[in-house]
């Protein structure tokens, strides 16, 4: 249920705001945006949101301290849509919009908390949104957990003068637009998914960068206007999606 709360509640904090025009634009976005009309081949459901987690880990897990910051100006959901368009040239790619309330409750079925499956929850959400924009396929890009205590997008600091990590850990699922069966799925990675890469380049189990300890924000208000954090997250998100999306979107 913790996974469900992260994915379908907290991650939706900026779902409504993400649809507004933002001052922050991706340098890798296409210079022209395809017209939002005609048949839809790929519908994109981005659940990056505007939530940035600040995690100050204690020597024991129950001593961890968490806070969150809103980073709507970073336009992370817009960035996700732009990278899907770049990975599927020649296809009609359209964003499927939703509200914060729909993200929290839309399409969910009653599930036994002891046998909760996030993938079923996500498939139900896709099925719930599909009537408003019929597409041949749907691509869901959502927050994911790594191999440690990091989840989604944020920054973490380990105790006893330990390391500080900026991370952007996401997962991609592609669904059939008629049956809503899962066609392909993969974690968004910047490197090859080999043992050596996981050991040496993905210490947290996903895209991350080690930063100087002075870069750790002491309060949420210090996050949104920090160019190191903003550009670092956007760069990792862009690199991981650009590497992972193309093979998932090939027929």
C-alpha atoms as a PDB file:
ATOM      1  CA  UNK A   1       0.000   0.000   0.000  1.00  0.00           C
ATOM      2  CA  UNK A   2       3.020   2.295   0.491  1.00  0.00           C
ATOM      3  CA  UNK A   3       3.788   1.826  -3.195  1.00  0.00           C
ATOM      4  CA  UNK A   4       0.189   2.687  -4.070  1.00  0.00           C
ATOM      5  CA  UNK A   5       0.325   5.845  -1.981  1.00  0.00           C
ATOM      6  CA  UNK A   6       3.533   6.989  -3.652  1.00  0.00           C
ATOM      7  CA  UNK A   7       2.375   6.189  -7.159  1.00  0.00           C
ATOM      8  CA  UNK A   8      -1.287   7.137  -7.255  1.00  0.00           C
ATOM      9  CA  UNK A   9      -1.567   9.793  -4.548  1.00  0.00           C
ATOM     10  CA  UNK A  10       1.619  11.726  -3.883  1.00  0.00           C
ATOM     11  CA  UNK A  11       2.841  11.640  -7.462  1.00  0.00           C
ATOM     12  CA  UNK A  12      -0.326  13.356  -8.564  1.00  0.00           C
ATOM     13  CA  UNK A  13       0.283  16.555  -6.609  1.00  0.00           C
ATOM     14  CA  UNK A  14       0.988  18.461  -9.801  1.00  0.00           C
ATOM     15  CA  UNK A  15      -1.259  16.666 -12.250  1.00  0.00           C
ATOM     16  CA  UNK A  16      -3.488  19.689 -12.795  1.00  0.00           C
ATOM     17  CA  UNK A  17      -0.683  22.226 -12.742  1.00  0.00           C
ATOM     18  CA  UNK A  18       1.379  20.257 -15.224  1.00  0.00           C
ATOM     19  CA  UNK A  19      -1.138  20.993 -17.959  1.00  0.00           C
ATOM     20  CA  UNK A  20      -0.397  24.729 -17.705  1.00  0.00           C
ATOM     21  CA  UNK A  21       2.279  26.447 -19.756  1.00  0.00           C
ATOM     22  CA  UNK A  22       5.588  26.370 -17.909  1.00  0.00           C
ATOM     23  CA  UNK A  23       8.583  28.657 -18.134  1.00  0.00           C
ATOM     24  CA  UNK A  24      10.947  25.706 -18.023  1.00  0.00           C
ATOM     25  CA  UNK A  25      11.279  23.959 -21.380  1.00  0.00           C
ATOM     26  CA  UNK A  26      13.389  20.953 -22.298  1.00  0.00           C
ATOM     27  CA  UNK A  27      16.357  21.741 -24.513  1.00  0.00           C
ATOM     28  CA  UNK A  28      15.761  18.393 -26.196  1.00  0.00           C
ATOM     29  CA  UNK A  29      12.090  18.964 -27.012  1.00  0.00           C
ATOM     30  CA  UNK A  30      11.019  18.987 -30.627  1.00  0.00           C
ATOM     31  CA  UNK A  31      10.963  22.516 -32.138  1.00  0.00           C
ATOM     32  CA  UNK A  32       7.414  21.980 -33.342  1.00  0.00           C
ATOM     33  CA  UNK A  33       4.600  20.177 -31.560  1.00  0.00           C
ATOM     34  CA  UNK A  34       2.322  17.946 -33.685  1.00  0.00           C
ATOM     35  CA  UNK A  35      -1.292  19.048 -33.928  1.00  0.00           C
ATOM     36  CA  UNK A  36      -3.517  17.533 -31.251  1.00  0.00           C
ATOM     37  CA  UNK A  37      -6.081  16.310 -33.752  1.00  0.00           C
ATOM     38  CA  UNK A  38      -6.950  13.264 -35.817  1.00  0.00           C
ATOM     39  CA  UNK A  39      -6.492   9.622 -34.793  1.00  0.00           C
ATOM     40  CA  UNK A  40      -4.246   8.851 -31.859  1.00  0.00           C
ATOM     41  CA  UNK A  41      -1.626   6.167 -32.263  1.00  0.00           C
ATOM     42  CA  UNK A  42       0.134   6.634 -28.927  1.00  0.00           C
ATOM     43  CA  UNK A  43      -1.475   8.145 -25.853  1.00  0.00           C
ATOM     44  CA  UNK A  44       0.960   9.276 -23.151  1.00  0.00           C
ATOM     45  CA  UNK A  45      -0.002   9.172 -19.484  1.00  0.00           C
ATOM     46  CA  UNK A  46       2.868  10.821 -17.582  1.00  0.00           C
ATOM     47  CA  UNK A  47       2.938  10.421 -13.810  1.00  0.00           C
ATOM     48  CA  UNK A  48       6.166  12.262 -13.063  1.00  0.00           C
ATOM     49  CA  UNK A  49       4.177  15.088 -11.513  1.00  0.00           C
ATOM     50  CA  UNK A  50       5.689  17.970  -9.592  1.00  0.00           C
ATOM     51  CA  UNK A  51       6.668  16.077  -6.453  1.00  0.00           C
ATOM     52  CA  UNK A  52      10.322  16.235  -5.348  1.00  0.00           C
ATOM     53  CA  UNK A  53      11.182  14.142  -2.294  1.00  0.00           C
ATOM     54  CA  UNK A  54      13.802  15.243   0.251  1.00  0.00           C
ATOM     55  CA  UNK A  55      15.001  12.261   2.259  1.00  0.00           C
ATOM     56  CA  UNK A  56      17.380  12.620   5.193  1.00  0.00           C
ATOM     57  CA  UNK A  57      18.228   9.058   6.202  1.00  0.00           C
ATOM     58  CA  UNK A  58      18.998   8.243   9.805  1.00  0.00           C
ATOM     59  CA  UNK A  59      21.236   5.445  11.124  1.00  0.00           C
ATOM     60  CA  UNK A  60      18.052   3.372  11.487  1.00  0.00           C
ATOM     61  CA  UNK A  61      15.121   3.480   9.087  1.00  0.00           C
ATOM     62  CA  UNK A  62      12.614   4.646  11.706  1.00  0.00           C
ATOM     63  CA  UNK A  63      14.815   7.731  12.229  1.00  0.00           C
ATOM     64  CA  UNK A  64      14.499   8.824   8.581  1.00  0.00           C
ATOM     65  CA  UNK A  65      13.105  12.296   7.955  1.00  0.00           C
ATOM     66  CA  UNK A  66      11.104  13.144   4.845  1.00  0.00           C
ATOM     67  CA  UNK A  67       9.762  16.309   3.265  1.00  0.00           C
ATOM     68  CA  UNK A  68       8.533  17.203  -0.189  1.00  0.00           C
ATOM     69  CA  UNK A  69       8.703  20.173  -2.538  1.00  0.00           C
ATOM     70  CA  UNK A  70       6.495  21.196  -5.444  1.00  0.00           C
ATOM     71  CA  UNK A  71       8.484  21.632  -8.674  1.00  0.00           C
ATOM     72  CA  UNK A  72       5.722  22.465 -11.135  1.00  0.00           C
ATOM     73  CA  UNK A  73       8.009  24.917 -12.939  1.00  0.00           C
ATOM     74  CA  UNK A  74      10.302  22.045 -13.928  1.00  0.00           C
ATOM     75  CA  UNK A  75       7.570  20.741 -16.288  1.00  0.00           C
ATOM     76  CA  UNK A  76       8.529  17.091 -15.834  1.00  0.00           C
ATOM     77  CA  UNK A  77       5.312  15.692 -17.314  1.00  0.00           C
ATOM     78  CA  UNK A  78       5.768  17.900 -20.391  1.00  0.00           C
ATOM     79  CA  UNK A  79       9.306  16.551 -20.687  1.00  0.00           C
ATOM     80  CA  UNK A  80       8.024  12.956 -20.600  1.00  0.00           C
ATOM     81  CA  UNK A  81       5.582  13.645 -23.440  1.00  0.00           C
ATOM     82  CA  UNK A  82       8.289  15.309 -25.542  1.00  0.00           C
ATOM     83  CA  UNK A  83      10.602  12.307 -25.179  1.00  0.00           C
ATOM     84  CA  UNK A  84       7.839   9.869 -26.222  1.00  0.00           C
ATOM     85  CA  UNK A  85       7.278  11.988 -29.345  1.00  0.00           C
ATOM     86  CA  UNK A  86      11.010  11.934 -30.080  1.00  0.00           C
ATOM     87  CA  UNK A  87      11.115   8.148 -29.651  1.00  0.00           C
ATOM     88  CA  UNK A  88       8.176   7.533 -32.008  1.00  0.00           C
ATOM     89  CA  UNK A  89       8.750   9.671 -35.127  1.00  0.00           C
ATOM     90  CA  UNK A  90       5.932   9.494 -37.660  1.00  0.00           C
ATOM     91  CA  UNK A  91       3.379   8.488 -35.020  1.00  0.00           C
ATOM     92  CA  UNK A  92       0.509  10.588 -33.749  1.00  0.00           C
ATOM     93  CA  UNK A  93       1.409  11.075 -30.071  1.00  0.00           C
ATOM     94  CA  UNK A  94      -1.059  12.791 -27.748  1.00  0.00           C
ATOM     95  CA  UNK A  95      -1.096  13.440 -24.044  1.00  0.00           C
ATOM     96  CA  UNK A  96      -3.936  11.994 -21.983  1.00  0.00           C
ATOM     97  CA  UNK A  97      -4.894  14.521 -19.318  1.00  0.00           C
ATOM     98  CA  UNK A  98      -6.346  13.799 -15.900  1.00  0.00           C
ATOM     99  CA  UNK A  99      -6.999  15.589 -12.635  1.00  0.00           C
ATOM    100  CA  UNK A 100      -5.358  15.091  -9.277  1.00  0.00           C
ATOM    101  CA  UNK A 101      -8.545  13.534  -7.919  1.00  0.00           C
ATOM    102  CA  UNK A 102      -8.748  11.095 -10.851  1.00  0.00           C
ATOM    103  CA  UNK A 103      -5.161  10.039 -10.258  1.00  0.00           C
ATOM    104  CA  UNK A 104      -5.968   9.248  -6.646  1.00  0.00           C
ATOM    105  CA  UNK A 105      -9.082   7.170  -7.266  1.00  0.00           C
ATOM    106  CA  UNK A 106      -9.831   6.724 -10.966  1.00  0.00           C
ATOM    107  CA  UNK A 107     -10.374   3.181 -12.150  1.00  0.00           C
ATOM    108  CA  UNK A 108      -9.087   1.484  -9.043  1.00  0.00           C
ATOM    109  CA  UNK A 109     -10.625  -1.749  -7.890  1.00  0.00           C
ATOM    110  CA  UNK A 110     -10.864  -3.050  -4.362  1.00  0.00           C
ATOM    111  CA  UNK A 111      -7.736  -5.088  -3.734  1.00  0.00           C
ATOM    112  CA  UNK A 112      -6.516  -7.202  -0.872  1.00  0.00           C
ATOM    113  CA  UNK A 113      -3.798  -5.094   0.809  1.00  0.00           C
ATOM    114  CA  UNK A 114      -1.759  -8.217   1.433  1.00  0.00           C
ATOM    115  CA  UNK A 115      -1.700  -9.041  -2.291  1.00  0.00           C
ATOM    116  CA  UNK A 116      -1.551  -5.548  -3.776  1.00  0.00           C
ATOM    117  CA  UNK A 117      -0.235  -5.285  -7.335  1.00  0.00           C
ATOM    118  CA  UNK A 118       0.697  -1.839  -8.644  1.00  0.00           C
ATOM    119  CA  UNK A 119       0.596  -3.048 -12.252  1.00  0.00           C
ATOM    120  CA  UNK A 120      -3.099  -3.891 -11.905  1.00  0.00           C
ATOM    121  CA  UNK A 121      -3.812  -0.466 -10.458  1.00  0.00           C
ATOM    122  CA  UNK A 122      -2.041   1.219 -13.361  1.00  0.00           C
ATOM    123  CA  UNK A 123      -3.855  -0.879 -15.972  1.00  0.00           C
ATOM    124  CA  UNK A 124      -7.175   0.080 -14.364  1.00  0.00           C
ATOM    125  CA  UNK A 125      -6.183   3.753 -14.527  1.00  0.00           C
ATOM    126  CA  UNK A 126      -5.391   3.435 -18.242  1.00  0.00           C
ATOM    127  CA  UNK A 127      -8.757   1.751 -18.842  1.00  0.00           C
ATOM    128  CA  UNK A 128     -10.460   4.522 -16.873  1.00  0.00           C
ATOM    129  CA  UNK A 129      -8.878   7.286 -19.003  1.00  0.00           C
ATOM    130  CA  UNK A 130      -9.156   5.588 -22.398  1.00  0.00           C
ATOM    131  CA  UNK A 131     -12.726   6.707 -23.306  1.00  0.00           C
ATOM    132  CA  UNK A 132     -11.690  10.358 -23.452  1.00  0.00           C
ATOM    133  CA  UNK A 133      -8.911   9.719 -25.988  1.00  0.00           C
ATOM    134  CA  UNK A 134      -8.982   6.482 -27.971  1.00  0.00           C
ATOM    135  CA  UNK A 135      -5.450   5.450 -28.928  1.00  0.00           C
ATOM    136  CA  UNK A 136      -3.861   2.359 -30.455  1.00  0.00           C
ATOM    137  CA  UNK A 137      -1.403   2.156 -27.568  1.00  0.00           C
ATOM    138  CA  UNK A 138      -0.933   3.867 -24.222  1.00  0.00           C
ATOM    139  CA  UNK A 139       2.422   4.660 -22.641  1.00  0.00           C
ATOM    140  CA  UNK A 140       2.515   5.175 -18.889  1.00  0.00           C
ATOM    141  CA  UNK A 141       5.679   6.665 -17.365  1.00  0.00           C
ATOM    142  CA  UNK A 142       5.506   6.589 -13.584  1.00  0.00           C
ATOM    143  CA  UNK A 143       7.660   6.768 -10.486  1.00  0.00           C
ATOM    144  CA  UNK A 144       9.459   3.663  -9.347  1.00  0.00           C
ATOM    145  CA  UNK A 145      11.552   2.367  -6.479  1.00  0.00           C
ATOM    146  CA  UNK A 146      15.245   1.561  -6.679  1.00  0.00           C
ATOM    147  CA  UNK A 147      17.264  -1.006  -4.779  1.00  0.00           C
ATOM    148  CA  UNK A 148      17.573   1.193  -1.684  1.00  0.00           C
ATOM    149  CA  UNK A 149      15.136   3.559   0.059  1.00  0.00           C
ATOM    150  CA  UNK A 150      14.912   6.092  -2.766  1.00  0.00           C
ATOM    151  CA  UNK A 151      11.664   6.285  -4.724  1.00  0.00           C
ATOM    152  CA  UNK A 152      10.683   8.400  -7.720  1.00  0.00           C
ATOM    153  CA  UNK A 153      12.356  11.807  -8.024  1.00  0.00           C
ATOM    154  CA  UNK A 154      14.253  13.541  -5.276  1.00  0.00           C
ATOM    155  CA  UNK A 155      17.423  13.830  -3.239  1.00  0.00           C
ATOM    156  CA  UNK A 156      18.732  11.711  -0.360  1.00  0.00           C
ATOM    157  CA  UNK A 157      21.410  12.175   2.295  1.00  0.00           C
ATOM    158  CA  UNK A 158      22.961   9.293   4.203  1.00  0.00           C
ATOM    159  CA  UNK A 159      24.073   9.616   7.855  1.00  0.00           C
ATOM    160  CA  UNK A 160      27.556  10.009   9.332  1.00  0.00           C
ATOM    161  CA  UNK A 161      28.828  12.313   6.559  1.00  0.00           C
ATOM    162  CA  UNK A 162      27.533   9.858   3.994  1.00  0.00           C
ATOM    163  CA  UNK A 163      26.817  10.562   0.346  1.00  0.00           C
ATOM    164  CA  UNK A 164      24.132  12.776  -1.166  1.00  0.00           C
ATOM    165  CA  UNK A 165      22.312  11.451  -4.233  1.00  0.00           C
ATOM    166  CA  UNK A 166      20.041  13.184  -6.733  1.00  0.00           C
ATOM    167  CA  UNK A 167      17.827  10.589  -8.429  1.00  0.00           C
ATOM    168  CA  UNK A 168      15.083  10.180 -11.041  1.00  0.00           C
ATOM    169  CA  UNK A 169      13.843   6.578 -10.966  1.00  0.00           C
ATOM    170  CA  UNK A 170      11.012   5.891 -13.410  1.00  0.00           C
ATOM    171  CA  UNK A 171       9.254   2.919 -15.002  1.00  0.00           C
ATOM    172  CA  UNK A 172       7.607   2.600 -18.428  1.00  0.00           C
ATOM    173  CA  UNK A 173       4.603   0.449 -19.323  1.00  0.00           C
ATOM    174  CA  UNK A 174       3.041   0.114 -22.794  1.00  0.00           C
ATOM    175  CA  UNK A 175      -0.565  -1.086 -23.080  1.00  0.00           C
ATOM    176  CA  UNK A 176      -2.733  -2.212 -25.981  1.00  0.00           C
ATOM    177  CA  UNK A 177      -5.422   0.378 -26.656  1.00  0.00           C
ATOM    178  CA  UNK A 178      -8.225  -2.169 -27.132  1.00  0.00           C
ATOM    179  CA  UNK A 179      -7.550  -4.975 -24.678  1.00  0.00           C
ATOM    180  CA  UNK A 180      -5.449  -2.941 -22.213  1.00  0.00           C
ATOM    181  CA  UNK A 181      -3.059  -5.833 -21.897  1.00  0.00           C
ATOM    182  CA  UNK A 182       0.543  -5.002 -21.058  1.00  0.00           C
ATOM    183  CA  UNK A 183       2.609  -5.183 -24.253  1.00  0.00           C
ATOM    184  CA  UNK A 184       6.050  -4.155 -23.009  1.00  0.00           C
ATOM    185  CA  UNK A 185       7.604  -2.742 -19.868  1.00  0.00           C
ATOM    186  CA  UNK A 186      11.001  -1.667 -18.596  1.00  0.00           C
ATOM    187  CA  UNK A 187      12.647   0.516 -16.007  1.00  0.00           C
ATOM    188  CA  UNK A 188      13.996   3.757 -17.480  1.00  0.00           C
ATOM    189  CA  UNK A 189      17.793   3.469 -17.351  1.00  0.00           C
ATOM    190  CA  UNK A 190      20.615   5.607 -18.712  1.00  0.00           C
ATOM    191  CA  UNK A 191      22.913   2.585 -19.117  1.00  0.00           C
ATOM    192  CA  UNK A 192      22.629  -1.012 -20.276  1.00  0.00           C
ATOM    193  CA  UNK A 193      20.931  -3.276 -17.765  1.00  0.00           C
ATOM    194  CA  UNK A 194      23.926  -5.517 -17.112  1.00  0.00           C
ATOM    195  CA  UNK A 195      25.444  -6.697 -13.854  1.00  0.00           C
ATOM    196  CA  UNK A 196      28.454  -4.399 -14.242  1.00  0.00           C
ATOM    197  CA  UNK A 197      26.290  -1.386 -15.061  1.00  0.00           C
ATOM    198  CA  UNK A 198      23.991  -2.071 -12.122  1.00  0.00           C
ATOM    199  CA  UNK A 199      26.987  -2.418  -9.804  1.00  0.00           C
ATOM    200  CA  UNK A 200      29.095   0.516 -10.972  1.00  0.00           C
ATOM    201  CA  UNK A 201      26.724   3.002 -12.612  1.00  0.00           C
ATOM    202  CA  UNK A 202      23.387   2.440 -10.873  1.00  0.00           C
ATOM    203  CA  UNK A 203      24.206   2.226  -7.154  1.00  0.00           C
ATOM    204  CA  UNK A 204      20.617   3.107  -6.245  1.00  0.00           C
ATOM    205  CA  UNK A 205      19.035   0.809  -8.821  1.00  0.00           C
ATOM    206  CA  UNK A 206      18.215   3.631 -11.234  1.00  0.00           C
ATOM    207  CA  UNK A 207      19.456   6.954 -12.632  1.00  0.00           C
ATOM    208  CA  UNK A 208      21.264   8.972  -9.959  1.00  0.00           C
ATOM    209  CA  UNK A 209      24.095  11.431  -9.430  1.00  0.00           C
ATOM    210  CA  UNK A 210      26.236  11.897  -6.365  1.00  0.00           C
ATOM    211  CA  UNK A 211      26.396  15.526  -5.240  1.00  0.00           C
ATOM    212  CA  UNK A 212      28.422  17.470  -2.712  1.00  0.00           C
ATOM    213  CA  UNK A 213      26.799  17.407   0.733  1.00  0.00           C
ATOM    214  CA  UNK A 214      26.386  21.191   0.601  1.00  0.00           C
ATOM    215  CA  UNK A 215      23.829  20.702  -2.200  1.00  0.00           C
ATOM    216  CA  UNK A 216      21.325  19.016   0.116  1.00  0.00           C
ATOM    217  CA  UNK A 217      18.389  21.413   0.650  1.00  0.00           C
ATOM    218  CA  UNK A 218      17.669  22.085   4.300  1.00  0.00           C
ATOM    219  CA  UNK A 219      14.077  23.128   3.530  1.00  0.00           C
ATOM    220  CA  UNK A 220      11.668  22.501   0.622  1.00  0.00           C
ATOM    221  CA  UNK A 221      11.710  26.154  -0.456  1.00  0.00           C
ATOM    222  CA  UNK A 222      15.366  25.740  -1.437  1.00  0.00           C
ATOM    223  CA  UNK A 223      14.555  23.203  -4.160  1.00  0.00           C
ATOM    224  CA  UNK A 224      12.510  24.773  -6.951  1.00  0.00           C
ATOM    225  CA  UNK A 225      14.967  27.552  -7.884  1.00  0.00           C
ATOM    226  CA  UNK A 226      18.084  25.403  -7.549  1.00  0.00           C
ATOM    227  CA  UNK A 227      19.481  24.969 -11.101  1.00  0.00           C
ATOM    228  CA  UNK A 228      21.725  22.052 -10.117  1.00  0.00           C
ATOM    229  CA  UNK A 229      18.779  20.006  -8.858  1.00  0.00           C
ATOM    230  CA  UNK A 230      16.430  21.076 -11.671  1.00  0.00           C
ATOM    231  CA  UNK A 231      18.866  20.519 -14.527  1.00  0.00           C
ATOM    232  CA  UNK A 232      20.162  17.299 -12.986  1.00  0.00           C
ATOM    233  CA  UNK A 233      16.704  15.742 -12.739  1.00  0.00           C
ATOM    234  CA  UNK A 234      15.696  16.851 -16.223  1.00  0.00           C
ATOM    235  CA  UNK A 235      18.964  15.555 -17.711  1.00  0.00           C
ATOM    236  CA  UNK A 236      18.611  12.139 -16.054  1.00  0.00           C
ATOM    237  CA  UNK A 237      14.957  11.881 -17.038  1.00  0.00           C
ATOM    238  CA  UNK A 238      15.763  12.804 -20.643  1.00  0.00           C
ATOM    239  CA  UNK A 239      18.715  10.414 -20.928  1.00  0.00           C
ATOM    240  CA  UNK A 240      16.895   7.455 -19.384  1.00  0.00           C
ATOM    241  CA  UNK A 241      13.750   7.909 -21.487  1.00  0.00           C
ATOM    242  CA  UNK A 242      15.704   8.448 -24.702  1.00  0.00           C
ATOM    243  CA  UNK A 243      17.571   5.187 -24.128  1.00  0.00           C
ATOM    244  CA  UNK A 244      14.648   3.064 -22.940  1.00  0.00           C
ATOM    245  CA  UNK A 245      11.639   4.260 -24.954  1.00  0.00           C
ATOM    246  CA  UNK A 246      12.639   3.510 -28.598  1.00  0.00           C
ATOM    247  CA  UNK A 247      12.788  -0.314 -28.278  1.00  0.00           C
ATOM    248  CA  UNK A 248       9.563  -0.332 -26.260  1.00  0.00           C
ATOM    249  CA  UNK A 249       7.692   1.628 -28.932  1.00  0.00           C
ATOM    250  CA  UNK A 250       8.828  -0.411 -31.947  1.00  0.00           C
ATOM    251  CA  UNK A 251       6.041  -2.574 -33.330  1.00  0.00           C
END
